[in-house]
């Protein structure tokens, strides 16, 4: 089977340099395999090789160079307490702005501990929520950094990884709110440690109630779909509201871990009609009350009786045969099938999963996607 560079890297420079060496060798071998002078896939710090300006590697390198120095704060979109085993990429693609948001936290337990130890004003998760701590951080920009050495002593046997994609519509305020606060709402639920499906369901209900309250107060609409994958003790919990999708790629093939909540879905159509709504086709697209193509979403106060934020929760016990979990917004799935995504990964064994995310985005754009595209690939081979 093809073996990809997993994208695993620690926060230390030594590990990152080691990864660069490994990636350099794999890319040089790739160039030999493809016998093409157009591909000299190496890291930008190799001064002896020229990288074509429009290559995937060049764009990945540009994205890395534009990233700030690695200081972890409570509002970062990626928070890694140790080893990185995923890749994430987001593009506005065919649209003028990107309303997609994603959030990745390698340990919700450590993240929660950091929230209540890095700021003296906060004594609990509820306190952080009531004081709108994260929103103040995000708006003011004065965010205390997390003390990784101090947090290390809180490391316990239980560790919950969090991967979320939130696809906004009618603006990015809802998707941004979800990305920022969904992890905190999860931690607040009393079921978090014992019953993850129940915790995810309660978190969705609570955060949607807050979103609707704010939409009413500010008299604005808009909403967002949400897809969250949490991994704990070898089990992947998938929480989906809307038409983002998660798939599992294993040695035996590919399978869906979530169901698209669209107005074309017969069971969703029946639910909407039973609630007094209707599904109308507008320019060939099925829409709830002629407006929204998604049948479940956060926010959307005008349609909240029909477009609900009730999540669909699925679980999967990871096995040695499993390789990758891929999450993506509908901008990818509108033009690529589950099998297409698997084939893309299989057909590029010389690329890291970080580069594969760029390949998938490029392919979606080539095929004419009309939406933003966000892709997260989780390497689950060594779990």
Foldseek 3Di string as FASTA:
>chain_A
DFAFAQQKAWLDPVRVVVSQVVLQVLQVVVCVVVVDPLGNQHAPVPVPDDHPCPDLNNVLNVVVVPDDRDFAFLQDQEAELTIDRKAKDWDQQQDPDALKGKHKHFFLQLSQVQVCPQDVQHNHLVSCVVVVVQVCCVVVVPTGTGDSVVSVVVDDPKGKIKIKMKGKDQHNPANSLCSNCLSSQLVPDPCNVPPNVVSNQSSLVVVLVVQQVVCVVVVGFIWIWMWMWMDIPQKIKIKTFAAWWKWWQFQVGIDTQDDHQFCVPVVLQVQLVVLPWHWDADPNATAINPPHGGQATRTRNVRPSGHDRRIDMDMDRDDLRTFKMKIKHVLLVVQAPRRRLNVLCVVCSSHHNNSSQVVSSVVSSVRPRNGMMMMMMGTPNPD
